[in-house]
Amino acid sequence: MKFSDDRLLRLIAVFKFFKAASLIALGIGAFRLLHEDLGRVLEHWIMALRLDPGQHFLDVALAKASNVSPAQIKKVGVGSLIYAALFLAEGTGLWLRKRWGEWLTVIITGSLVPIEIYEIYRHPSWPKVVVFALNIAVVVYLIYHMGKRPQA
């Protein structure tokens, strides 16, 4: 079964909406933790999930979480909400099949490719490679799609 252009654009839009929802949740979560001791919160979750608190990885995570400042938490919250707004704009433009939505998606997604390459080089992992491949596929498809569709 071959996806129609409409379905593929809608699938990309849903992907953008999912990313926006995830970032909104992260931003809200960050703001809720603004006046909390992150080390203590993380320690609570380690115990609740019955993880071994003596593991080196968890010790390092606890130490790092304890040193996070409220200003850093605020930056994470604000940054996530800004990116969420961009993803919502991309998704809306694609869902409505607007050329501006396609251009916005190509520009924003394409501009993040160098950062993704750097991150894969620095700390390679399969999830990063998969996200990178998906983003490249989205950009290539949208450029192809815009080239074959007449200007509105």
N, C-alpha and C. Protein backbone atom coordinates (compact mmCIF):
# COMPACT_ATOMS: atom_id res chain seq x y z
N MET A 1 0.84 -1.19 0.00
CA MET A 1 0.00 0.00 0.00
C MET A 1 0.89 1.25 0.00
N LYS A 2 0.64 2.12 -0.91
CA LYS A 2 1.43 3.35 -1.03
C LYS A 2 0.71 4.49 -0.30
N PHE A 3 1.47 5.19 0.53
CA PHE A 3 0.91 6.35 1.23
C PHE A 3 0.69 7.48 0.24
N SER A 4 -0.42 8.16 0.36
CA SER A 4 -0.63 9.34 -0.47
C SER A 4 0.16 10.48 0.14
N ASP A 5 0.37 11.53 -0.66
CA ASP A 5 1.10 12.70 -0.16
C ASP A 5 0.40 13.28 1.06
N ASP A 6 -0.95 13.30 1.00
CA ASP A 6 -1.73 13.83 2.12
C ASP A 6 -1.46 13.05 3.40
N ARG A 7 -1.48 11.74 3.31
CA ARG A 7 -1.26 10.90 4.49
C ARG A 7 0.15 11.08 5.04
N LEU A 8 1.12 11.18 4.15
CA LEU A 8 2.50 11.34 4.61
C LEU A 8 2.69 12.70 5.30
N LEU A 9 2.10 13.75 4.73
CA LEU A 9 2.17 15.07 5.37
C LEU A 9 1.50 15.02 6.74
N ARG A 10 0.37 14.35 6.82
CA ARG A 10 -0.34 14.24 8.11
C ARG A 10 0.47 13.42 9.10
N LEU A 11 1.15 12.37 8.64
CA LEU A 11 1.99 11.57 9.52
C LEU A 11 3.14 12.41 10.08
N ILE A 12 3.76 13.21 9.23
CA ILE A 12 4.83 14.10 9.69
C ILE A 12 4.26 15.11 10.69
N ALA A 13 3.06 15.63 10.40
CA ALA A 13 2.42 16.59 11.32
C ALA A 13 2.17 15.94 12.68
N VAL A 14 1.70 14.71 12.69
CA VAL A 14 1.46 14.01 13.96
C VAL A 14 2.77 13.83 14.71
N PHE A 15 3.84 13.51 13.99
CA PHE A 15 5.17 13.38 14.60
C PHE A 15 5.58 14.71 15.25
N LYS A 16 5.32 15.82 14.57
CA LYS A 16 5.64 17.15 15.12
C LYS A 16 4.77 17.45 16.35
N PHE A 17 3.48 17.08 16.28
CA PHE A 17 2.59 17.29 17.43
C PHE A 17 3.04 16.46 18.63
N PHE A 18 3.49 15.23 18.38
CA PHE A 18 3.99 14.37 19.46
C PHE A 18 5.22 15.00 20.11
N LYS A 19 6.14 15.51 19.28
CA LYS A 19 7.34 16.16 19.82
C LYS A 19 6.95 17.40 20.63
N ALA A 20 5.97 18.16 20.14
CA ALA A 20 5.51 19.35 20.87
C ALA A 20 4.92 18.96 22.21
N ALA A 21 4.08 17.93 22.23
CA ALA A 21 3.46 17.48 23.48
C ALA A 21 4.52 17.02 24.48
N SER A 22 5.53 16.31 23.99
CA SER A 22 6.61 15.85 24.87
C SER A 22 7.37 17.03 25.47
N LEU A 23 7.63 18.04 24.64
CA LEU A 23 8.36 19.22 25.13
C LEU A 23 7.51 20.06 26.09
N ILE A 24 6.21 20.11 25.85
CA ILE A 24 5.33 20.82 26.78
C ILE A 24 5.35 20.12 28.13
N ALA A 25 5.28 18.80 28.12
CA ALA A 25 5.34 18.03 29.37
C ALA A 25 6.67 18.26 30.07
N LEU A 26 7.77 18.27 29.32
CA LEU A 26 9.09 18.53 29.91
C LEU A 26 9.13 19.94 30.51
N GLY A 27 8.62 20.92 29.78
CA GLY A 27 8.63 22.30 30.28
C GLY A 27 7.82 22.46 31.55
N ILE A 28 6.63 21.88 31.57
CA ILE A 28 5.79 21.94 32.77
C ILE A 28 6.47 21.22 33.92
N GLY A 29 7.03 20.06 33.63
CA GLY A 29 7.75 19.31 34.66
C GLY A 29 8.92 20.11 35.22
N ALA A 30 9.65 20.80 34.34
CA ALA A 30 10.78 21.61 34.80
C ALA A 30 10.30 22.72 35.72
N PHE A 31 9.22 23.40 35.32
CA PHE A 31 8.72 24.48 36.17
C PHE A 31 8.19 23.98 37.50
N ARG A 32 7.64 22.77 37.51
CA ARG A 32 7.16 22.19 38.78
C ARG A 32 8.32 21.85 39.71
N LEU A 33 9.49 21.61 39.12
CA LEU A 33 10.67 21.26 39.93
C LEU A 33 11.51 22.48 40.29
N LEU A 34 11.05 23.64 39.89
CA LEU A 34 11.84 24.87 40.05
C LEU A 34 12.29 25.11 41.49
N HIS A 35 11.45 24.83 42.44
CA HIS A 35 11.80 25.12 43.83
C HIS A 35 11.97 23.83 44.64
N GLU A 36 12.38 22.77 43.96
CA GLU A 36 12.61 21.49 44.62
C GLU A 36 14.10 21.18 44.64
N ASP A 37 14.49 20.33 45.56
CA ASP A 37 15.86 19.80 45.58
C ASP A 37 15.87 18.60 44.64
N LEU A 38 16.48 18.77 43.46
CA LEU A 38 16.45 17.71 42.45
C LEU A 38 17.11 16.43 42.94
N GLY A 39 18.14 16.57 43.73
CA GLY A 39 18.80 15.39 44.30
C GLY A 39 17.82 14.57 45.13
N ARG A 40 17.05 15.25 45.94
CA ARG A 40 16.08 14.58 46.80
C ARG A 40 14.95 13.95 45.97
N VAL A 41 14.50 14.66 44.94
CA VAL A 41 13.45 14.13 44.07
C VAL A 41 13.95 12.86 43.35
N LEU A 42 15.16 12.93 42.82
CA LEU A 42 15.74 11.77 42.13
C LEU A 42 15.92 10.60 43.09
N GLU A 43 16.36 10.90 44.29
CA GLU A 43 16.54 9.86 45.31
C GLU A 43 15.19 9.18 45.61
N HIS A 44 14.12 9.98 45.70
CA HIS A 44 12.78 9.43 45.91
C HIS A 44 12.41 8.45 44.80
N TRP A 45 12.66 8.82 43.54
CA TRP A 45 12.31 7.97 42.41
C TRP A 45 13.18 6.72 42.36
N ILE A 46 14.43 6.84 42.76
CA ILE A 46 15.30 5.66 42.81
C ILE A 46 14.73 4.65 43.80
N MET A 47 14.29 5.13 44.93
CA MET A 47 13.70 4.23 45.94
C MET A 47 12.34 3.69 45.47
N ALA A 48 11.52 4.55 44.88
CA ALA A 48 10.20 4.13 44.42
C ALA A 48 10.29 3.07 43.33
N LEU A 49 11.31 3.17 42.47
CA LEU A 49 11.49 2.20 41.39
C LEU A 49 12.34 1.00 41.83
N ARG A 50 12.72 1.02 43.11
CA ARG A 50 13.51 -0.08 43.71
C ARG A 50 14.81 -0.34 42.96
N LEU A 51 15.47 0.75 42.59
CA LEU A 51 16.78 0.65 41.96
C LEU A 51 17.84 0.58 43.04
N ASP A 52 18.99 0.04 42.70
CA ASP A 52 20.09 -0.07 43.66
C ASP A 52 20.79 1.28 43.75
N PRO A 53 20.63 2.01 44.88
CA PRO A 53 21.22 3.35 45.00
C PRO A 53 22.75 3.34 45.03
N GLY A 54 23.36 2.16 45.15
CA GLY A 54 24.82 2.08 45.20
C GLY A 54 25.47 2.01 43.83
N GLN A 55 24.67 1.97 42.76
CA GLN A 55 25.24 1.89 41.42
C GLN A 55 25.96 3.19 41.07
N HIS A 56 27.10 3.06 40.40
CA HIS A 56 27.92 4.22 40.05
C HIS A 56 27.12 5.23 39.22
N PHE A 57 26.37 4.74 38.24
CA PHE A 57 25.59 5.62 37.37
C PHE A 57 24.60 6.45 38.19
N LEU A 58 23.94 5.82 39.14
CA LEU A 58 22.95 6.54 39.96
C LEU A 58 23.63 7.53 40.90
N ASP A 59 24.80 7.18 41.43
CA ASP A 59 25.56 8.11 42.27
C ASP A 59 25.93 9.38 41.48
N VAL A 60 26.39 9.17 40.25
CA VAL A 60 26.77 10.31 39.40
C VAL A 60 25.54 11.16 39.09
N ALA A 61 24.41 10.50 38.78
CA ALA A 61 23.17 11.24 38.48
C ALA A 61 22.70 12.04 39.69
N LEU A 62 22.78 11.44 40.87
CA LEU A 62 22.39 12.16 42.10
C LEU A 62 23.28 13.37 42.34
N ALA A 63 24.58 13.20 42.14
CA ALA A 63 25.53 14.31 42.36
C ALA A 63 25.24 15.44 41.37
N LYS A 64 25.01 15.09 40.10
CA LYS A 64 24.74 16.13 39.09
C LYS A 64 23.40 16.82 39.37
N ALA A 65 22.39 16.05 39.74
CA ALA A 65 21.06 16.62 40.01
C ALA A 65 21.11 17.57 41.19
N SER A 66 21.93 17.27 42.17
CA SER A 66 22.04 18.12 43.35
C SER A 66 22.67 19.47 43.03
N ASN A 67 23.42 19.55 41.94
CA ASN A 67 24.12 20.78 41.59
C ASN A 67 23.39 21.63 40.55
N VAL A 68 22.20 21.20 40.13
CA VAL A 68 21.44 21.97 39.14
C VAL A 68 20.79 23.17 39.84
N SER A 69 21.01 24.33 39.24
CA SER A 69 20.48 25.56 39.85
C SER A 69 19.07 25.85 39.34
N PRO A 70 18.30 26.65 40.10
CA PRO A 70 16.97 27.05 39.62
C PRO A 70 17.03 27.77 38.27
N ALA A 71 18.08 28.53 38.03
CA ALA A 71 18.21 29.23 36.74
C ALA A 71 18.35 28.23 35.60
N GLN A 72 19.09 27.14 35.82
CA GLN A 72 19.23 26.11 34.78
C GLN A 72 17.90 25.40 34.52
N ILE A 73 17.16 25.15 35.59
CA ILE A 73 15.85 24.50 35.44
C ILE A 73 14.91 25.41 34.67
N LYS A 74 14.96 26.70 34.96
CA LYS A 74 14.12 27.68 34.27
C LYS A 74 14.46 27.71 32.78
N LYS A 75 15.76 27.66 32.45
CA LYS A 75 16.18 27.65 31.04
C LYS A 75 15.64 26.42 30.32
N VAL A 76 15.68 25.27 30.97
CA VAL A 76 15.14 24.05 30.37
C VAL A 76 13.64 24.22 30.13
N GLY A 77 12.93 24.76 31.10
CA GLY A 77 11.48 24.96 30.96
C GLY A 77 11.13 25.91 29.83
N VAL A 78 11.80 27.06 29.80
CA VAL A 78 11.52 28.06 28.76
C VAL A 78 11.93 27.52 27.38
N GLY A 79 13.11 26.92 27.29
CA GLY A 79 13.59 26.37 26.02
C GLY A 79 12.66 25.31 25.47
N SER A 80 12.16 24.43 26.35
CA SER A 80 11.24 23.38 25.88
C SER A 80 9.95 23.97 25.35
N LEU A 81 9.44 24.99 26.02
CA LEU A 81 8.19 25.58 25.56
C LEU A 81 8.37 26.35 24.24
N ILE A 82 9.52 26.96 24.06
CA ILE A 82 9.80 27.65 22.78
C ILE A 82 9.87 26.63 21.64
N TYR A 83 10.62 25.53 21.86
CA TYR A 83 10.69 24.49 20.83
C TYR A 83 9.33 23.86 20.59
N ALA A 84 8.54 23.69 21.64
CA ALA A 84 7.20 23.12 21.49
C ALA A 84 6.35 24.02 20.59
N ALA A 85 6.46 25.33 20.78
CA ALA A 85 5.70 26.27 19.94
C ALA A 85 6.11 26.14 18.47
N LEU A 86 7.41 25.98 18.23
CA LEU A 86 7.88 25.80 16.85
C LEU A 86 7.32 24.51 16.25
N PHE A 87 7.36 23.42 17.02
CA PHE A 87 6.84 22.15 16.53
C PHE A 87 5.34 22.23 16.29
N LEU A 88 4.62 22.95 17.16
CA LEU A 88 3.18 23.13 16.95
C LEU A 88 2.91 23.90 15.66
N ALA A 89 3.71 24.93 15.40
CA ALA A 89 3.55 25.70 14.16
C ALA A 89 3.83 24.81 12.94
N GLU A 90 4.92 24.04 13.00
CA GLU A 90 5.25 23.13 11.90
C GLU A 90 4.11 22.13 11.67
N GLY A 91 3.68 21.49 12.75
CA GLY A 91 2.63 20.48 12.64
C GLY A 91 1.34 21.06 12.10
N THR A 92 0.97 22.24 12.56
CA THR A 92 -0.27 22.88 12.09
C THR A 92 -0.17 23.19 10.60
N GLY A 93 0.95 23.77 10.18
CA GLY A 93 1.13 24.08 8.76
C GLY A 93 1.09 22.84 7.89
N LEU A 94 1.71 21.75 8.36
CA LEU A 94 1.69 20.51 7.59
C LEU A 94 0.30 19.89 7.58
N TRP A 95 -0.37 19.89 8.73
CA TRP A 95 -1.72 19.30 8.82
C TRP A 95 -2.69 20.01 7.87
N LEU A 96 -2.54 21.34 7.78
CA LEU A 96 -3.41 22.12 6.91
C LEU A 96 -2.91 22.16 5.46
N ARG A 97 -1.80 21.46 5.19
CA ARG A 97 -1.20 21.37 3.86
C ARG A 97 -0.83 22.75 3.30
N LYS A 98 -0.25 23.56 4.16
CA LYS A 98 0.17 24.91 3.77
C LYS A 98 1.65 24.88 3.37
N ARG A 99 1.97 25.60 2.33
CA ARG A 99 3.36 25.65 1.87
C ARG A 99 4.27 26.26 2.94
N TRP A 100 3.76 27.26 3.68
CA TRP A 100 4.59 27.87 4.73
C TRP A 100 4.95 26.82 5.79
N GLY A 101 4.04 25.88 6.06
CA GLY A 101 4.33 24.83 7.03
C GLY A 101 5.43 23.91 6.53
N GLU A 102 5.41 23.63 5.22
CA GLU A 102 6.46 22.79 4.63
C GLU A 102 7.80 23.50 4.70
N TRP A 103 7.81 24.78 4.32
CA TRP A 103 9.06 25.55 4.37
C TRP A 103 9.58 25.66 5.81
N LEU A 104 8.69 25.96 6.72
CA LEU A 104 9.09 26.08 8.12
C LEU A 104 9.72 24.79 8.62
N THR A 105 9.11 23.67 8.26
CA THR A 105 9.63 22.36 8.69
C THR A 105 10.98 22.09 8.06
N VAL A 106 11.14 22.37 6.78
CA VAL A 106 12.42 22.15 6.11
C VAL A 106 13.51 23.01 6.76
N ILE A 107 13.20 24.28 7.01
CA ILE A 107 14.21 25.19 7.56
C ILE A 107 14.59 24.79 9.00
N ILE A 108 13.59 24.57 9.84
CA ILE A 108 13.89 24.26 11.24
C ILE A 108 14.55 22.89 11.37
N THR A 109 13.96 21.88 10.73
CA THR A 109 14.51 20.53 10.84
C THR A 109 15.90 20.48 10.20
N GLY A 110 16.05 21.11 9.04
CA GLY A 110 17.35 21.14 8.37
C GLY A 110 18.41 21.86 9.17
N SER A 111 18.02 22.92 9.88
CA SER A 111 19.00 23.68 10.66
C SER A 111 19.52 22.89 11.87
N LEU A 112 18.76 21.88 12.30
CA LEU A 112 19.21 21.08 13.45
C LEU A 112 20.10 19.91 13.05
N VAL A 113 20.21 19.63 11.75
CA VAL A 113 21.02 18.49 11.27
C VAL A 113 22.48 18.59 11.72
N PRO A 114 23.15 19.75 11.59
CA PRO A 114 24.55 19.81 12.04
C PRO A 114 24.70 19.50 13.54
N ILE A 115 23.75 19.94 14.34
CA ILE A 115 23.80 19.66 15.79
C ILE A 115 23.63 18.17 16.03
N GLU A 116 22.71 17.55 15.29
CA GLU A 116 22.49 16.11 15.44
C GLU A 116 23.74 15.33 15.04
N ILE A 117 24.39 15.74 13.96
CA ILE A 117 25.63 15.07 13.52
C ILE A 117 26.68 15.19 14.61
N TYR A 118 26.84 16.38 15.17
CA TYR A 118 27.81 16.59 16.23
C TYR A 118 27.50 15.70 17.44
N GLU A 119 26.24 15.64 17.83
CA GLU A 119 25.85 14.82 18.98
C GLU A 119 26.08 13.33 18.72
N ILE A 120 25.81 12.88 17.50
CA ILE A 120 26.07 11.48 17.16
C ILE A 120 27.57 11.21 17.20
N TYR A 121 28.36 12.14 16.71
CA TYR A 121 29.82 11.99 16.74
C TYR A 121 30.33 11.95 18.18
N ARG A 122 29.81 12.85 19.02
CA ARG A 122 30.25 12.94 20.42
C ARG A 122 29.82 11.75 21.26
N HIS A 123 28.55 11.40 21.17
CA HIS A 123 27.99 10.31 21.97
C HIS A 123 27.08 9.47 21.08
N PRO A 124 27.65 8.58 20.28
CA PRO A 124 26.81 7.80 19.36
C PRO A 124 25.85 6.87 20.10
N SER A 125 24.62 6.80 19.57
CA SER A 125 23.63 5.86 20.10
C SER A 125 22.60 5.61 18.99
N TRP A 126 21.97 4.45 19.05
CA TRP A 126 20.97 4.10 18.04
C TRP A 126 19.79 5.07 18.04
N PRO A 127 19.26 5.47 19.20
CA PRO A 127 18.12 6.42 19.14
C PRO A 127 18.49 7.72 18.42
N LYS A 128 19.70 8.22 18.65
CA LYS A 128 20.12 9.46 17.98
C LYS A 128 20.21 9.25 16.47
N VAL A 129 20.73 8.11 16.06
CA VAL A 129 20.86 7.81 14.64
C VAL A 129 19.47 7.68 14.00
N VAL A 130 18.54 7.04 14.69
CA VAL A 130 17.19 6.87 14.16
C VAL A 130 16.50 8.22 14.01
N VAL A 131 16.59 9.08 15.03
CA VAL A 131 15.98 10.41 14.95
C VAL A 131 16.62 11.22 13.82
N PHE A 132 17.94 11.13 13.70
CA PHE A 132 18.65 11.82 12.62
C PHE A 132 18.15 11.34 11.26
N ALA A 133 18.03 10.03 11.09
CA ALA A 133 17.56 9.47 9.81
C ALA A 133 16.13 9.91 9.51
N LEU A 134 15.27 9.92 10.54
CA LEU A 134 13.89 10.38 10.35
C LEU A 134 13.85 11.84 9.92
N ASN A 135 14.66 12.67 10.58
CA ASN A 135 14.67 14.10 10.24
C ASN A 135 15.18 14.33 8.82
N ILE A 136 16.22 13.60 8.42
CA ILE A 136 16.73 13.72 7.05
C ILE A 136 15.65 13.29 6.06
N ALA A 137 14.97 12.18 6.37
CA ALA A 137 13.90 11.69 5.49
C ALA A 137 12.79 12.73 5.35
N VAL A 138 12.42 13.38 6.45
CA VAL A 138 11.37 14.40 6.42
C VAL A 138 11.81 15.56 5.53
N VAL A 139 13.03 16.04 5.71
CA VAL A 139 13.52 17.18 4.92
C VAL A 139 13.57 16.82 3.43
N VAL A 140 14.13 15.66 3.11
CA VAL A 140 14.25 15.24 1.71
C VAL A 140 12.85 15.09 1.09
N TYR A 141 11.95 14.44 1.81
CA TYR A 141 10.60 14.26 1.29
C TYR A 141 9.90 15.60 1.05
N LEU A 142 10.00 16.52 2.02
CA LEU A 142 9.31 17.80 1.86
C LEU A 142 9.88 18.60 0.70
N ILE A 143 11.19 18.57 0.51
CA ILE A 143 11.80 19.28 -0.63
C ILE A 143 11.29 18.66 -1.93
N TYR A 144 11.26 17.33 -1.99
CA TYR A 144 10.74 16.64 -3.17
C TYR A 144 9.27 16.99 -3.39
N HIS A 145 8.50 16.94 -2.33
CA HIS A 145 7.06 17.21 -2.40
C HIS A 145 6.79 18.65 -2.87
N MET A 146 7.54 19.60 -2.34
CA MET A 146 7.34 21.00 -2.74
C MET A 146 7.73 21.22 -4.18
N GLY A 147 8.74 20.48 -4.64
CA GLY A 147 9.19 20.62 -6.03
C GLY A 147 8.20 20.11 -7.04
N LYS A 148 7.45 19.08 -6.68
CA LYS A 148 6.50 18.51 -7.65
C LYS A 148 5.10 19.12 -7.56
N ARG A 149 4.82 19.84 -6.45
CA ARG A 149 3.51 20.46 -6.27
C ARG A 149 3.53 21.87 -6.83
N PRO A 150 2.51 22.26 -7.59
CA PRO A 150 2.50 23.63 -8.13
C PRO A 150 2.32 24.67 -7.01
N GLN A 151 2.86 25.85 -7.27
CA GLN A 151 2.72 26.95 -6.29
C GLN A 151 1.26 27.29 -6.13
N ALA A 152 0.86 27.57 -4.88
CA ALA A 152 -0.55 27.94 -4.64
C ALA A 152 -0.72 29.43 -4.65
